C-alpha atoms as a PDB file:
ATOM      1  CA  MET A   1     100.595 118.616 246.645  1.00  0.00           C
ATOM      2  CA  THR A   2      98.870 116.009 248.918  1.00  0.00           C
ATOM      3  CA  ARG A   3      98.118 112.524 248.304  1.00  0.00           C
ATOM      4  CA  LYS A   4      94.130 113.045 247.846  1.00  0.00           C
ATOM      5  CA  LYS A   5      94.728 115.275 244.833  1.00  0.00           C
ATOM      6  CA  LEU A   6      97.743 113.384 243.288  1.00  0.00           C
ATOM      7  CA  LEU A   7      95.018 110.605 243.299  1.00  0.00           C
ATOM      8  CA  ALA A   8      92.444 113.112 241.847  1.00  0.00           C
ATOM      9  CA  ALA A   9      94.441 114.124 238.880  1.00  0.00           C
ATOM     10  CA  VAL A  10      95.702 110.526 238.151  1.00  0.00           C
ATOM     11  CA  VAL A  11      92.330 109.620 238.100  1.00  0.00           C
ATOM     12  CA  LEU A  12      91.124 112.496 236.289  1.00  0.00           C
ATOM     13  CA  LEU A  13      94.108 111.935 233.644  1.00  0.00           C
ATOM     14  CA  VAL A  14      92.627 108.171 233.407  1.00  0.00           C
ATOM     15  CA  VAL A  15      89.244 109.265 232.321  1.00  0.00           C
ATOM     16  CA  LEU A  16      90.067 111.613 229.915  1.00  0.00           C
ATOM     17  CA  ALA A  17      92.443 109.337 228.251  1.00  0.00           C
ATOM     18  CA  GLY A  18      89.707 106.525 228.095  1.00  0.00           C
ATOM     19  CA  SER A  19      87.259 109.066 226.996  1.00  0.00           C
ATOM     20  CA  ALA A  20      89.627 110.176 224.079  1.00  0.00           C
ATOM     21  CA  GLY A  21      90.245 106.494 223.177  1.00  0.00           C
ATOM     22  CA  ARG A  22      86.601 106.189 222.880  1.00  0.00           C
ATOM     23  CA  SER A  23      86.157 108.753 221.142  1.00  0.00           C
ATOM     24  CA  ALA A  24      89.019 107.599 218.043  1.00  0.00           C
ATOM     25  CA  ALA A  25      87.307 103.892 218.365  1.00  0.00           C
ATOM     26  CA  ALA A  26      84.070 105.514 217.783  1.00  0.00           C
ATOM     27  CA  LYS A  27      85.609 107.690 214.746  1.00  0.00           C
ATOM     28  CA  ASP A  28      87.450 104.586 212.857  1.00  0.00           C
ATOM     29  CA  PRO A  29      84.002 102.449 211.572  1.00  0.00           C
ATOM     30  CA  VAL A  30      82.896 106.198 209.533  1.00  0.00           C
ATOM     31  CA  GLU A  31      85.859 106.512 208.035  1.00  0.00           C
ATOM     32  CA  ALA A  32      86.331 103.269 206.883  1.00  0.00           C
ATOM     33  CA  VAL A  33      82.923 102.972 204.935  1.00  0.00           C
ATOM     34  CA  THR A  34      83.937 106.457 203.535  1.00  0.00           C
ATOM     35  CA  GLY A  35      87.301 105.362 202.260  1.00  0.00           C
ATOM     36  CA  VAL A  36      85.412 102.067 200.586  1.00  0.00           C
ATOM     37  CA  ALA A  37      82.749 104.432 199.517  1.00  0.00           C
ATOM     38  CA  ALA A  38      85.042 106.188 197.571  1.00  0.00           C
ATOM     39  CA  ARG A  39      87.107 103.802 195.951  1.00  0.00           C
ATOM     40  CA  THR A  40      83.723 102.081 194.871  1.00  0.00           C
ATOM     41  CA  LEU A  41      82.694 105.218 193.020  1.00  0.00           C
ATOM     42  CA  ALA A  42      85.859 105.602 191.664  1.00  0.00           C
ATOM     43  CA  VAL A  43      85.741 102.094 190.407  1.00  0.00           C
ATOM     44  CA  GLN A  44      82.644 102.903 189.106  1.00  0.00           C
ATOM     45  CA  GLN A  45      83.586 106.066 187.042  1.00  0.00           C
ATOM     46  CA  GLN A  46      86.312 104.307 185.616  1.00  0.00           C
ATOM     47  CA  THR A  47      84.109 101.224 184.677  1.00  0.00           C
ATOM     48  CA  GLN A  48      81.734 103.905 183.079  1.00  0.00           C
ATOM     49  CA  LYS A  49      84.238 105.094 181.239  1.00  0.00           C
ATOM     50  CA  GLU A  50      85.724 102.181 180.001  1.00  0.00           C
ATOM     51  CA  LEU A  51      82.320 100.942 178.904  1.00  0.00           C
ATOM     52  CA  GLU A  52      81.580 104.473 177.287  1.00  0.00           C
ATOM     53  CA  ALA A  53      84.802 103.434 175.325  1.00  0.00           C
ATOM     54  CA  TRP A  54      84.334 100.146 174.360  1.00  0.00           C
ATOM     55  CA  GLU A  55      80.653 101.328 173.117  1.00  0.00           C
ATOM     56  CA  GLU A  56      82.219 104.187 171.337  1.00  0.00           C
ATOM     57  CA  ARG A  57      85.157 101.501 169.696  1.00  0.00           C
ATOM     58  CA  ARG A  58      82.074  99.129 169.099  1.00  0.00           C
ATOM     59  CA  GLN A  59      80.473 101.838 166.840  1.00  0.00           C
ATOM     60  CA  GLN A  60      83.302 102.243 164.682  1.00  0.00           C
ATOM     61  CA  LEU A  61      84.019  99.050 164.348  1.00  0.00           C
ATOM     62  CA  THR A  62      80.151  98.119 163.204  1.00  0.00           C
ATOM     63  CA  ALA A  63      80.536 101.163 160.832  1.00  0.00           C
ATOM     64  CA  GLU A  64      83.434  99.981 159.551  1.00  0.00           C
ATOM     65  CA  LEU A  65      81.826  96.096 159.045  1.00  0.00           C
ATOM     66  CA  GLN A  66      79.057  98.232 156.892  1.00  0.00           C
ATOM     67  CA  ASN A  67      81.437 100.024 154.916  1.00  0.00           C
ATOM     68  CA  LEU A  68      83.512  96.727 153.827  1.00  0.00           C
ATOM     69  CA  LYS A  69      80.328  95.132 153.304  1.00  0.00           C
ATOM     70  CA  VAL A  70      79.381  97.933 150.934  1.00  0.00           C
ATOM     71  CA  GLN A  71      83.121  97.324 149.524  1.00  0.00           C
ATOM     72  CA  GLU A  72      82.803  93.877 149.026  1.00  0.00           C
ATOM     73  CA  ASP A  73      79.355  93.876 147.503  1.00  0.00           C
ATOM     74  CA  LEU A  74      80.813  96.816 144.708  1.00  0.00           C
ATOM     75  CA  LEU A  75      83.607  94.376 144.255  1.00  0.00           C
ATOM     76  CA  ARG A  76      81.344  91.787 143.379  1.00  0.00           C
ATOM     77  CA  TYR A  77      79.392  93.844 141.198  1.00  0.00           C
ATOM     78  CA  ARG A  78      82.805  95.069 139.268  1.00  0.00           C
ATOM     79  CA  GLN A  79      83.683  91.426 139.339  1.00  0.00           C
ATOM     80  CA  ARG A  80      80.700  90.240 137.587  1.00  0.00           C
ATOM     81  CA  LYS A  81      80.910  93.616 134.886  1.00  0.00           C
ATOM     82  CA  LEU A  82      84.752  92.347 134.174  1.00  0.00           C
ATOM     83  CA  GLN A  83      83.862  88.672 133.647  1.00  0.00           C
ATOM     84  CA  GLY A  84      81.193  90.094 131.290  1.00  0.00           C
ATOM     85  CA  TYR A  85      83.755  92.285 129.240  1.00  0.00           C
ATOM     86  CA  LEU A  86      85.934  89.632 129.287  1.00  0.00           C
ATOM     87  CA  ALA A  87      83.990  87.346 127.913  1.00  0.00           C
ATOM     88  CA  GLU A  88      82.958  90.100 125.703  1.00  0.00           C
ATOM     89  CA  ARG A  89      87.059  90.829 124.766  1.00  0.00           C
ATOM     90  CA  ARG A  90      87.529  86.935 124.392  1.00  0.00           C
ATOM     91  CA  ALA A  91      84.897  86.495 121.942  1.00  0.00           C
ATOM     92  CA  LYS A  92      85.653  89.778 119.764  1.00  0.00           C
ATOM     93  CA  ILE A  93      89.534  88.302 119.559  1.00  0.00           C
ATOM     94  CA  ALA A  94      88.144  85.185 118.763  1.00  0.00           C
ATOM     95  CA  ALA A  95      86.294  86.711 115.959  1.00  0.00           C
ATOM     96  CA  LEU A  96      89.094  88.703 114.747  1.00  0.00           C
ATOM     97  CA  GLU A  97      91.293  85.583 114.907  1.00  0.00           C
ATOM     98  CA  LYS A  98      88.989  83.526 112.368  1.00  0.00           C
ATOM     99  CA  SER A  99      88.706  86.803 110.359  1.00  0.00           C
ATOM    100  CA  ILE A 100      92.143  87.124 109.836  1.00  0.00           C
ATOM    101  CA  ALA A 101      92.507  83.464 109.773  1.00  0.00           C
ATOM    102  CA  ASP A 102      89.627  83.824 106.494  1.00  0.00           C
ATOM    103  CA  ARG A 103      91.667  86.602 105.000  1.00  0.00           C
ATOM    104  CA  GLN A 104      94.793  84.548 104.583  1.00  0.00           C
ATOM    105  CA  VAL A 105      92.546  81.635 103.188  1.00  0.00           C
ATOM    106  CA  ILE A 106      91.200  84.440 100.659  1.00  0.00           C
ATOM    107  CA  ALA A 107      94.322  86.145 100.213  1.00  0.00           C
ATOM    108  CA  ARG A 108      96.160  82.835  99.156  1.00  0.00           C
ATOM    109  CA  GLU A 109      93.252  82.143  96.665  1.00  0.00           C
ATOM    110  CA  LEU A 110      92.473  85.084  95.522  1.00  0.00           C
ATOM    111  CA  GLU A 111      96.119  86.511  94.305  1.00  0.00           C
ATOM    112  CA  PRO A 112      96.376  83.443  91.680  1.00  0.00           C
ATOM    113  CA  TYR A 113      92.742  84.473  90.537  1.00  0.00           C
ATOM    114  CA  LEU A 114      93.884  88.185  90.202  1.00  0.00           C
ATOM    115  CA  ASP A 115      96.950  87.202  88.274  1.00  0.00           C
ATOM    116  CA  GLU A 116      94.690  85.196  86.166  1.00  0.00           C
ATOM    117  CA  VAL A 117      92.357  87.695  85.566  1.00  0.00           C
ATOM    118  CA  LEU A 118      94.784  90.212  84.659  1.00  0.00           C
ATOM    119  CA  ALA A 119      96.060  87.770  82.180  1.00  0.00           C
ATOM    120  CA  ARG A 120      92.645  87.053  80.583  1.00  0.00           C
ATOM    121  CA  ALA A 121      92.223  90.939  80.154  1.00  0.00           C
ATOM    122  CA  LYS A 122      95.420  90.929  78.271  1.00  0.00           C
ATOM    123  CA  THR A 123      94.676  88.333  76.279  1.00  0.00           C
ATOM    124  CA  SER A 124      90.973  89.605  75.425  1.00  0.00           C
ATOM    125  CA  ALA A 125      92.644  93.172  74.566  1.00  0.00           C
ATOM    126  CA  ASP A 126      95.299  91.713  72.297  1.00  0.00           C
ATOM    127  CA  ARG A 127      92.626  89.817  70.439  1.00  0.00           C
ATOM    128  CA  GLY A 128      89.867  92.642  70.272  1.00  0.00           C
ATOM    129  CA  LEU A 129      90.119  95.999  68.527  1.00  0.00           C
ATOM    130  CA  PRO A 130      93.257  97.575  68.895  1.00  0.00           C
ATOM    131  CA  PHE A 131      92.112 100.869  70.477  1.00  0.00           C
ATOM    132  CA  LEU A 132      93.949 102.699  72.634  1.00  0.00           C
ATOM    133  CA  ALA A 133      96.713 100.104  72.430  1.00  0.00           C
ATOM    134  CA  ALA A 134      99.174 102.232  74.552  1.00  0.00           C
ATOM    135  CA  GLU A 135      97.047 103.330  77.083  1.00  0.00           C
ATOM    136  CA  ARG A 136      95.879 100.444  77.823  1.00  0.00           C
ATOM    137  CA  ARG A 137      99.326  98.345  77.773  1.00  0.00           C
ATOM    138  CA  ARG A 138     100.551 100.574  80.149  1.00  0.00           C
ATOM    139  CA  ARG A 139      97.785 100.197  82.436  1.00  0.00           C
ATOM    140  CA  PHE A 140      98.382  96.557  82.318  1.00  0.00           C
ATOM    141  CA  ALA A 141     101.652  96.669  83.150  1.00  0.00           C
ATOM    142  CA  GLU A 142     101.549  98.936  85.657  1.00  0.00           C
ATOM    143  CA  LEU A 143      98.764  96.301  87.298  1.00  0.00           C
ATOM    144  CA  GLU A 144     100.614  93.480  86.596  1.00  0.00           C
ATOM    145  CA  LYS A 145     104.092  95.013  88.517  1.00  0.00           C
ATOM    146  CA  TYR A 146     101.341  95.921  91.686  1.00  0.00           C
ATOM    147  CA  LEU A 147     100.231  92.469  91.689  1.00  0.00           C
ATOM    148  CA  ALA A 148     103.636  91.056  91.857  1.00  0.00           C
ATOM    149  CA  SER A 149     104.695  93.553  94.652  1.00  0.00           C
ATOM    150  CA  TYR A 150     104.780  91.138  97.863  1.00  0.00           C
ATOM    151  CA  GLU A 151     104.200  94.349 100.387  1.00  0.00           C
ATOM    152  CA  ALA A 152     101.204  95.544  98.725  1.00  0.00           C
ATOM    153  CA  PRO A 153      97.439  94.699 100.536  1.00  0.00           C
ATOM    154  CA  THR A 154      95.629  91.922  98.936  1.00  0.00           C
ATOM    155  CA  ALA A 155      92.734  94.528  99.478  1.00  0.00           C
ATOM    156  CA  ASP A 156      93.908  96.979  97.380  1.00  0.00           C
ATOM    157  CA  LYS A 157      94.950  94.650  94.670  1.00  0.00           C
ATOM    158  CA  LEU A 158      91.411  93.323  94.348  1.00  0.00           C
ATOM    159  CA  ARG A 159      90.728  97.427  94.219  1.00  0.00           C
ATOM    160  CA  ARG A 160      92.944  97.858  91.207  1.00  0.00           C
ATOM    161  CA  VAL A 161      91.997  94.630  89.280  1.00  0.00           C
ATOM    162  CA  LEU A 162      88.369  95.596  89.811  1.00  0.00           C
ATOM    163  CA  GLU A 163      88.991  99.320  88.836  1.00  0.00           C
ATOM    164  CA  MET A 164      90.803  97.949  85.676  1.00  0.00           C
ATOM    165  CA  LEU A 165      87.940  95.876  84.627  1.00  0.00           C
ATOM    166  CA  GLN A 166      85.468  98.970  84.891  1.00  0.00           C
ATOM    167  CA  ILE A 167      87.695 100.904  82.791  1.00  0.00           C
ATOM    168  CA  GLU A 168      87.615  97.951  80.168  1.00  0.00           C
ATOM    169  CA  ALA A 169      83.805  97.417  80.663  1.00  0.00           C
ATOM    170  CA  GLY A 170      83.323 101.182  80.089  1.00  0.00           C
ATOM    171  CA  TYR A 171      84.846 100.897  76.614  1.00  0.00           C
ATOM    172  CA  GLY A 172      81.886  98.907  75.469  1.00  0.00           C
ATOM    173  CA  HIS A 173      79.324 101.616  76.718  1.00  0.00           C
ATOM    174  CA  HIS A 174      80.721 104.436  75.248  1.00  0.00           C
ATOM    175  CA  VAL A 175      81.515 105.688  71.414  1.00  0.00           C
ATOM    176  CA  GLU A 176      85.108 108.307  71.026  1.00  0.00           C
ATOM    177  CA  ALA A 177      86.791 109.938  68.512  1.00  0.00           C
ATOM    178  CA  TYR A 178      90.490 110.863  68.443  1.00  0.00           C
ATOM    179  CA  ASP A 179      93.661 111.371  66.318  1.00  0.00           C
ATOM    180  CA  GLN A 180      95.821 108.394  65.237  1.00  0.00           C
ATOM    181  CA  VAL A 181      98.480 107.610  63.246  1.00  0.00           C
ATOM    182  CA  LEU A 182      97.720 103.979  61.419  1.00  0.00           C
ATOM    183  CA  GLU A 183      99.892 101.889  59.602  1.00  0.00           C
ATOM    184  CA  LEU A 184      98.327 101.548  56.361  1.00  0.00           C
ATOM    185  CA  PRO A 185      98.953 100.083  52.987  1.00  0.00           C
ATOM    186  CA  ALA A 186      99.792 103.706  51.673  1.00  0.00           C
ATOM    187  CA  GLY A 187     101.884 103.807  54.659  1.00  0.00           C
ATOM    188  CA  LYS A 188     101.629 105.364  57.740  1.00  0.00           C
ATOM    189  CA  THR A 189      98.316 107.523  57.545  1.00  0.00           C
ATOM    190  CA  SER A 190      97.200 110.566  60.069  1.00  0.00           C
ATOM    191  CA  VAL A 191      93.553 109.881  60.598  1.00  0.00           C
ATOM    192  CA  LYS A 192      90.532 110.235  62.753  1.00  0.00           C
ATOM    193  CA  VAL A 193      89.427 107.305  64.644  1.00  0.00           C
ATOM    194  CA  PHE A 194      86.006 106.185  65.837  1.00  0.00           C
ATOM    195  CA  ARG A 195      85.200 103.981  68.167  1.00  0.00           C
ATOM    196  CA  LEU A 196      81.666 102.187  68.632  1.00  0.00           C
ATOM    197  CA  GLY A 197      82.006 100.854  71.802  1.00  0.00           C
ATOM    198  CA  ARG A 198      83.410  97.174  71.296  1.00  0.00           C
ATOM    199  CA  ILE A 199      81.837  96.492  68.237  1.00  0.00           C
ATOM    200  CA  GLY A 200      83.732  98.538  65.723  1.00  0.00           C
ATOM    201  CA  LEU A 201      86.520 100.743  64.865  1.00  0.00           C
ATOM    202  CA  TYR A 202      86.639 102.900  61.912  1.00  0.00           C
ATOM    203  CA  TYR A 203      88.841 105.782  60.444  1.00  0.00           C
ATOM    204  CA  LEU A 204      88.613 108.358  57.981  1.00  0.00           C
ATOM    205  CA  THR A 205      91.981 110.463  56.681  1.00  0.00           C
ATOM    206  CA  LEU A 206      92.302 114.094  57.199  1.00  0.00           C
ATOM    207  CA  ASP A 207      90.609 114.963  53.822  1.00  0.00           C
ATOM    208  CA  GLY A 208      87.511 113.002  54.408  1.00  0.00           C
ATOM    209  CA  ARG A 209      87.921 111.050  51.370  1.00  0.00           C
ATOM    210  CA  THR A 210      89.196 107.900  52.489  1.00  0.00           C
ATOM    211  CA  ALA A 211      87.692 105.483  55.342  1.00  0.00           C
ATOM    212  CA  GLY A 212      87.946 102.123  56.758  1.00  0.00           C
ATOM    213  CA  TRP A 213      87.425  99.790  59.434  1.00  0.00           C
ATOM    214  CA  TYR A 214      89.250  97.219  61.502  1.00  0.00           C
ATOM    215  CA  ASP A 215      88.341  93.989  60.532  1.00  0.00           C
ATOM    216  CA  ARG A 216      88.959  91.387  63.789  1.00  0.00           C
ATOM    217  CA  ALA A 217      88.880  87.931  61.779  1.00  0.00           C
ATOM    218  CA  ALA A 218      91.521  89.393  59.123  1.00  0.00           C
ATOM    219  CA  GLY A 219      93.174  91.218  62.280  1.00  0.00           C
ATOM    220  CA  ALA A 220      93.850  94.061  59.704  1.00  0.00           C
ATOM    221  CA  TRP A 221      92.478  97.465  58.749  1.00  0.00           C
ATOM    222  CA  GLN A 222      90.368  97.280  55.318  1.00  0.00           C
ATOM    223  CA  PRO A 223      89.301  99.643  53.020  1.00  0.00           C
ATOM    224  CA  LEU A 224      85.530 101.330  52.953  1.00  0.00           C
ATOM    225  CA  SER A 225      84.511 102.711  49.921  1.00  0.00           C
ATOM    226  CA  GLY A 226      81.186 104.677  48.395  1.00  0.00           C
ATOM    227  CA  ARG A 227      78.371 104.998  50.773  1.00  0.00           C
ATOM    228  CA  ASP A 228      80.116 103.700  53.683  1.00  0.00           C
ATOM    229  CA  VAL A 229      82.746 106.167  53.715  1.00  0.00           C
ATOM    230  CA  GLY A 230      79.968 108.736  54.084  1.00  0.00           C
ATOM    231  CA  MET A 231      78.483 106.972  56.984  1.00  0.00           C
ATOM    232  CA  VAL A 232      81.600 106.930  58.926  1.00  0.00           C
ATOM    233  CA  ARG A 233      82.313 110.498  58.492  1.00  0.00           C
ATOM    234  CA  GLU A 234      78.472 111.224  59.671  1.00  0.00           C
ATOM    235  CA  ALA A 235      79.421 108.782  62.803  1.00  0.00           C
ATOM    236  CA  LEU A 236      82.812 111.056  63.687  1.00  0.00           C
ATOM    237  CA  ARG A 237      80.677 114.012  63.469  1.00  0.00           C
ATOM    238  CA  MET A 238      77.929 112.866  65.903  1.00  0.00           C
ATOM    239  CA  ALA A 239      80.876 111.543  68.438  1.00  0.00           C
ATOM    240  CA  MET A 240      82.288 115.112  68.239  1.00  0.00           C
ATOM    241  CA  LYS A 241      78.997 116.342  68.606  1.00  0.00           C
ATOM    242  CA  GLN A 242      78.535 118.420  65.732  1.00  0.00           C
ATOM    243  CA  ARG A 243      75.664 117.090  64.314  1.00  0.00           C
ATOM    244  CA  THR A 244      72.752 115.273  65.923  1.00  0.00           C
ATOM    245  CA  VAL A 245      73.006 111.491  66.522  1.00  0.00           C
ATOM    246  CA  ASP A 246      70.899 109.652  63.997  1.00  0.00           C
ATOM    247  CA  LEU A 247      71.349 106.022  62.547  1.00  0.00           C
ATOM    248  CA  VAL A 248      74.104 104.906  60.608  1.00  0.00           C
ATOM    249  CA  ARG A 249      74.774 101.786  58.741  1.00  0.00           C
ATOM    250  CA  LEU A 250      78.552 100.589  59.273  1.00  0.00           C
ATOM    251  CA  PRO A 251      80.021  97.076  58.789  1.00  0.00           C
ATOM    252  CA  VAL A 252      80.607  95.685  62.194  1.00  0.00           C
ATOM    253  CA  GLY A 253      82.729  92.294  62.927  1.00  0.00           C
ATOM    254  CA  ARG A 254      82.620  89.859  65.906  1.00  0.00           C
ATOM    255  CA  GLY A 255      82.057  91.604  68.870  1.00  0.00           C
ATOM    256  CA  GLY A 256      84.989  92.232  71.392  1.00  0.00           C
ATOM    257  CA  TRP A 257      85.200  91.519  75.082  1.00  0.00           C
END
């Protein structure tokens, strides 16, 4: 190769190298801008995702807050209702406690009174006409035993005393005829007894010939005679519904309880 050709080749290489260098230098700014744009876009996309996630979270928190407010209002309402119920219960408890205290006072005062009522009924029966004596004594004895029971409720004691009084009072509103054996001056005699309420008590022998009445003042049976025997006979027939009711004249003493 000649010197001229070698020089030309060197010049060509230098030119090509410079051209290539200029091409590379011209390409670098574009790539830089492109890289920045890509990174910016990626940041924007990431930011958008984070904003969307935060908005979703914000909506969830807002819904939870609203739900908590609703629950708070409900709890406040229930609290007011429970306070009302509690006040009502306390009032009922106070009323029950007062009622129990009143009942205890009544029981303390009532039980001696019931004993007194029974004692007065027994005394009145002993001083009154001696009708159904065994039955009434048994009733009084059973009631006295029940009133002495510690376990018996006071209310039931009152009920039984009232029943006894009702039965005793009922004797004054009815007539009755029944068989009985009386201790008369002639000895024990089977008779028909006629009870005119609590006003009078009469007997008639089974043969219908002898009659008598109970004299409370004397505390004994007194014989009747004449027309009075027939009156007792007719009264017994009316009591046993063997004839129509009519007026009869019978001796009476002082009225009983």
